[in-house]
N, C-alpha and C. Protein backbone atom coordinates (compact mmCIF):
# COMPACT_ATOMS: atom_id res chain seq x y z
N MET A 1 -12.10 -10.23 14.11
CA MET A 1 -11.61 -9.07 14.49
C MET A 1 -9.65 -9.42 14.43
N PRO A 2 -9.72 -7.89 13.46
CA PRO A 2 -8.21 -7.86 13.12
C PRO A 2 -7.31 -8.07 14.05
N ILE A 3 -6.46 -8.35 13.77
CA ILE A 3 -5.10 -8.64 15.08
C ILE A 3 -3.91 -7.38 15.05
N TYR A 4 -3.90 -7.44 13.63
CA TYR A 4 -2.78 -6.81 13.01
C TYR A 4 -3.41 -5.63 12.00
N ARG A 5 -3.19 -4.42 12.62
CA ARG A 5 -3.66 -3.29 11.49
C ARG A 5 -2.54 -2.51 11.18
N VAL A 6 -2.04 -2.64 9.54
CA VAL A 6 -1.22 -2.10 9.31
C VAL A 6 -0.95 -0.96 8.40
N VAL A 7 -0.49 -0.79 8.27
CA VAL A 7 0.26 0.86 6.87
C VAL A 7 1.26 0.20 6.08
N ILE A 8 1.44 -0.05 5.27
CA ILE A 8 2.74 -0.60 4.53
C ILE A 8 3.06 0.73 3.39
N ASP A 9 4.57 1.32 4.51
CA ASP A 9 5.69 2.03 3.27
C ASP A 9 5.62 1.60 1.77
N THR A 10 5.57 3.11 1.21
CA THR A 10 6.33 2.62 -0.16
C THR A 10 7.15 1.38 -0.60
N ASN A 11 8.31 2.09 0.20
CA ASN A 11 9.51 1.29 0.33
C ASN A 11 9.51 -0.52 0.13
N VAL A 12 8.51 -1.09 1.14
CA VAL A 12 8.48 -1.86 1.61
C VAL A 12 7.37 -2.72 0.70
N LEU A 13 6.47 -2.16 -0.13
CA LEU A 13 5.44 -2.08 -1.37
C LEU A 13 6.19 -2.24 -2.34
N VAL A 14 7.33 -1.48 -3.02
CA VAL A 14 8.07 -1.94 -4.10
C VAL A 14 9.05 -2.79 -3.87
N ALA A 15 9.32 -3.18 -3.01
CA ALA A 15 10.49 -4.73 -2.33
C ALA A 15 9.51 -5.69 -2.30
N GLY A 16 8.40 -5.81 -2.04
CA GLY A 16 7.87 -6.66 -2.21
C GLY A 16 7.14 -7.58 -3.54
N LEU A 17 6.98 -6.31 -4.27
CA LEU A 17 6.86 -7.13 -5.45
C LEU A 17 8.53 -6.92 -6.61
N ARG A 18 9.23 -6.67 -5.62
CA ARG A 18 10.01 -7.21 -7.20
C ARG A 18 10.79 -8.12 -6.94
N SER A 19 10.36 -8.63 -5.56
CA SER A 19 11.11 -9.87 -4.96
C SER A 19 10.00 -10.74 -4.22
N ASP A 20 10.21 -12.45 -4.34
CA ASP A 20 9.00 -13.05 -3.80
C ASP A 20 9.84 -13.28 -2.68
N ARG A 21 10.88 -13.19 -2.48
CA ARG A 21 11.67 -13.34 -1.03
C ARG A 21 12.26 -12.55 0.24
N GLY A 22 11.82 -12.73 1.16
CA GLY A 22 11.86 -11.64 2.07
C GLY A 22 10.21 -11.45 2.98
N ALA A 23 10.77 -10.58 4.12
CA ALA A 23 9.40 -10.46 4.90
C ALA A 23 8.64 -9.24 4.01
N SER A 24 8.89 -7.90 2.92
CA SER A 24 7.60 -7.22 2.52
C SER A 24 7.33 -7.90 1.85
N PHE A 25 7.84 -9.18 1.00
CA PHE A 25 6.81 -10.54 0.13
C PHE A 25 5.62 -11.04 1.02
N ARG A 26 6.24 -11.39 2.19
CA ARG A 26 5.46 -11.70 3.41
C ARG A 26 4.82 -11.43 3.47
N LEU A 27 4.59 -10.00 3.98
CA LEU A 27 3.45 -8.63 4.34
C LEU A 27 2.31 -8.53 2.79
N LEU A 28 3.15 -8.80 1.37
CA LEU A 28 2.06 -8.02 0.75
C LEU A 28 1.46 -9.67 0.85
N THR A 29 1.09 -11.03 1.07
CA THR A 29 0.72 -11.80 1.01
C THR A 29 -0.58 -12.22 2.26
N LEU A 30 -0.39 -11.32 3.08
CA LEU A 30 -1.24 -11.42 4.40
C LEU A 30 -2.28 -10.46 3.65
N ILE A 31 -2.07 -9.96 2.74
CA ILE A 31 -2.98 -8.70 2.43
C ILE A 31 -4.13 -9.64 1.83
N GLY A 32 -5.50 -9.03 2.70
CA GLY A 32 -6.90 -9.97 2.36
C GLY A 32 -7.14 -11.29 3.52
N ASP A 33 -6.30 -11.09 4.51
CA ASP A 33 -6.27 -12.16 5.46
C ASP A 33 -6.76 -11.64 6.57
N PRO A 34 -7.99 -12.14 6.95
CA PRO A 34 -8.93 -11.44 7.84
C PRO A 34 -8.24 -11.22 9.50
N ARG A 35 -6.96 -11.60 10.50
CA ARG A 35 -6.24 -11.11 11.20
C ARG A 35 -5.42 -9.68 10.80
N VAL A 36 -5.33 -9.95 9.47
CA VAL A 36 -4.41 -8.13 9.46
C VAL A 36 -5.91 -7.06 8.44
N GLU A 37 -5.26 -6.00 9.51
CA GLU A 37 -6.33 -4.96 8.64
C GLU A 37 -5.31 -4.08 8.16
N LEU A 38 -5.64 -4.08 7.14
CA LEU A 38 -4.38 -2.22 6.18
C LEU A 38 -5.09 -1.74 5.93
N ASN A 39 -4.76 -0.61 6.28
CA ASN A 39 -5.08 1.41 6.80
C ASN A 39 -4.52 1.81 5.72
N PRO A 40 -5.43 2.25 4.21
CA PRO A 40 -4.70 2.98 3.09
C PRO A 40 -5.43 4.31 3.86
N SER A 41 -4.76 5.41 3.00
CA SER A 41 -5.34 6.66 3.21
C SER A 41 -5.36 6.99 1.70
N VAL A 42 -5.94 7.96 1.41
CA VAL A 42 -6.38 8.44 -0.09
C VAL A 42 -4.71 8.89 -0.87
N PRO A 43 -3.76 9.40 0.17
CA PRO A 43 -2.59 10.50 -0.59
C PRO A 43 -1.72 9.25 -0.34
N LEU A 44 -1.57 8.05 0.28
CA LEU A 44 -0.78 6.95 0.39
C LEU A 44 -0.89 6.05 -0.95
N VAL A 45 -2.48 5.92 -0.70
CA VAL A 45 -2.61 4.93 -2.28
C VAL A 45 -2.25 5.88 -3.86
N PHE A 46 -2.20 7.48 -3.98
CA PHE A 46 -1.46 8.06 -5.01
C PHE A 46 -0.22 7.68 -5.26
N GLU A 47 0.31 7.70 -3.88
CA GLU A 47 2.10 8.12 -4.20
C GLU A 47 2.29 6.38 -3.86
N TYR A 48 1.48 4.83 -3.68
CA TYR A 48 1.52 4.37 -4.47
C TYR A 48 1.74 4.17 -5.87
N GLU A 49 0.38 4.16 -5.97
CA GLU A 49 0.52 4.09 -7.55
C GLU A 49 1.68 5.01 -8.57
N ALA A 50 1.42 6.28 -8.16
CA ALA A 50 2.88 7.24 -8.97
C ALA A 50 4.57 6.37 -8.85
N VAL A 51 4.58 5.75 -7.53
CA VAL A 51 5.71 5.10 -7.62
C VAL A 51 5.95 3.91 -8.45
N LEU A 52 4.53 3.05 -7.55
CA LEU A 52 4.62 1.66 -8.76
C LEU A 52 5.32 1.75 -10.44
N LYS A 53 4.35 2.82 -11.09
CA LYS A 53 4.51 3.05 -12.47
C LYS A 53 5.32 3.45 -13.18
N ARG A 54 6.41 4.05 -12.12
CA ARG A 54 7.94 4.65 -12.17
C ARG A 54 8.42 3.52 -13.07
N PRO A 55 8.96 3.79 -13.83
CA PRO A 55 9.91 2.39 -14.61
C PRO A 55 10.83 2.22 -14.17
N GLU A 56 12.05 3.52 -13.13
CA GLU A 56 12.81 2.92 -12.47
C GLU A 56 12.35 1.77 -11.42
N ALA A 57 11.17 1.87 -11.10
CA ALA A 57 11.02 1.36 -9.64
C ALA A 57 11.15 -0.60 -9.82
N GLY A 58 11.17 -0.44 -10.98
CA GLY A 58 11.40 -2.42 -11.57
C GLY A 58 10.60 -3.27 -11.54
N VAL A 59 9.26 -2.63 -10.89
CA VAL A 59 7.96 -3.14 -10.40
C VAL A 59 7.37 -4.05 -11.96
N PRO A 60 7.63 -5.44 -11.88
CA PRO A 60 7.46 -6.20 -12.77
C PRO A 60 5.75 -6.59 -13.09
N LEU A 61 4.94 -5.18 -13.37
CA LEU A 61 3.62 -5.09 -13.77
C LEU A 61 3.59 -4.25 -14.64
N THR A 62 2.42 -4.75 -14.87
CA THR A 62 1.41 -3.71 -16.23
C THR A 62 1.17 -2.47 -15.15
N HIS A 63 0.91 -1.37 -16.20
CA HIS A 63 0.23 -0.56 -15.44
C HIS A 63 -1.63 -1.25 -14.68
N ASP A 64 -1.88 -1.53 -15.79
CA ASP A 64 -3.07 -2.03 -15.75
C ASP A 64 -3.22 -3.03 -14.37
N GLU A 65 -2.70 -3.70 -14.01
CA GLU A 65 -2.29 -4.50 -12.96
C GLU A 65 -2.06 -4.66 -11.99
N ILE A 66 -0.56 -3.19 -11.20
CA ILE A 66 -0.98 -2.36 -10.74
C ILE A 66 -2.64 -1.47 -10.43
N ASP A 67 -3.21 -1.14 -11.17
CA ASP A 67 -4.02 -0.54 -10.64
C ASP A 67 -5.01 -1.56 -10.03
N ARG A 68 -5.20 -2.95 -10.72
CA ARG A 68 -6.08 -3.57 -9.82
C ARG A 68 -5.70 -4.30 -8.14
N LEU A 69 -4.59 -4.13 -8.35
CA LEU A 69 -3.58 -4.07 -7.38
C LEU A 69 -3.83 -3.56 -6.20
N LEU A 70 -3.92 -1.99 -7.01
CA LEU A 70 -4.32 -1.07 -5.82
C LEU A 70 -5.58 -1.38 -5.65
N ASP A 71 -6.76 -1.06 -6.38
CA ASP A 71 -8.21 -1.35 -6.37
C ASP A 71 -8.80 -2.36 -5.21
N PHE A 72 -7.91 -3.77 -5.49
CA PHE A 72 -8.10 -4.57 -4.47
C PHE A 72 -7.92 -4.75 -3.30
N TRP A 73 -6.71 -3.83 -3.27
CA TRP A 73 -6.33 -3.44 -1.26
C TRP A 73 -7.36 -2.05 -1.14
N CYS A 74 -7.34 -1.33 -1.73
CA CYS A 74 -8.67 -0.24 -1.41
C CYS A 74 -10.31 -0.89 -0.86
N ARG A 75 -10.40 -1.66 -1.54
CA ARG A 75 -11.61 -2.96 -1.46
C ARG A 75 -11.84 -3.48 -0.31
N VAL A 76 -10.03 -4.11 0.00
CA VAL A 76 -9.96 -4.87 1.65
C VAL A 76 -9.49 -3.97 2.64
N GLY A 77 -9.38 -2.55 2.16
CA GLY A 77 -8.98 -1.98 3.55
C GLY A 77 -9.49 -1.80 4.25
N ARG A 78 -9.04 -0.64 4.96
CA ARG A 78 -10.02 0.04 5.83
C ARG A 78 -9.85 1.95 5.48
N GLY A 79 -10.03 2.22 5.01
CA GLY A 79 -10.05 4.44 4.86
C GLY A 79 -9.80 4.71 5.88
N ASN A 80 -8.96 5.59 5.89
CA ASN A 80 -8.48 6.55 6.72
C ASN A 80 -8.20 7.64 6.56
N GLU A 81 -9.35 8.93 6.99
CA GLU A 81 -9.07 9.95 6.45
C GLU A 81 -8.19 10.88 7.46
N ILE A 82 -7.50 11.93 6.89
CA ILE A 82 -5.66 12.38 7.21
C ILE A 82 -6.49 14.05 7.70
N PHE A 83 -6.42 14.53 9.02
CA PHE A 83 -6.21 15.40 9.15
C PHE A 83 -5.07 16.80 8.99
N TYR A 84 -5.30 17.25 8.17
CA TYR A 84 -3.51 18.21 8.40
C TYR A 84 -4.18 19.78 8.86
N LEU A 85 -3.21 20.51 9.39
CA LEU A 85 -2.98 21.14 10.29
C LEU A 85 -3.48 22.38 8.69
N ALA A 86 -4.07 23.05 9.46
CA ALA A 86 -4.28 24.12 8.14
C ALA A 86 -2.87 25.49 8.15
N SER A 87 -2.31 25.43 9.72
CA SER A 87 -1.87 26.99 9.68
C SER A 87 -0.98 26.20 10.56
N ALA A 88 0.47 26.77 11.06
CA ALA A 88 0.94 26.37 12.67
C ALA A 88 0.48 27.15 13.95
N PRO A 89 0.61 26.53 14.91
CA PRO A 89 -0.24 27.09 16.08
C PRO A 89 0.72 28.03 16.22
N ALA A 90 -0.29 29.43 16.60
CA ALA A 90 0.32 30.66 17.31
C ALA A 90 1.19 30.55 18.79
């Protein structure tokens, strides 16, 4: 049973992948731990991919490594469906 249910913001992901010093990196090392439940959504994973693959993000991983990382997170995470309002309430 997970103790912590987390959604990782993209800037935390970038910071944790750029440096192994600090809370962002520590949080990333907990992914896959049974006490931590990662809760990604499809739009968030697409955002992760787009941002991490930008040269200016400064992430020291190849595109293939980024793909494998995100594949792993999708396997260990608990997918969440997001419902958007089609229109504003009347």
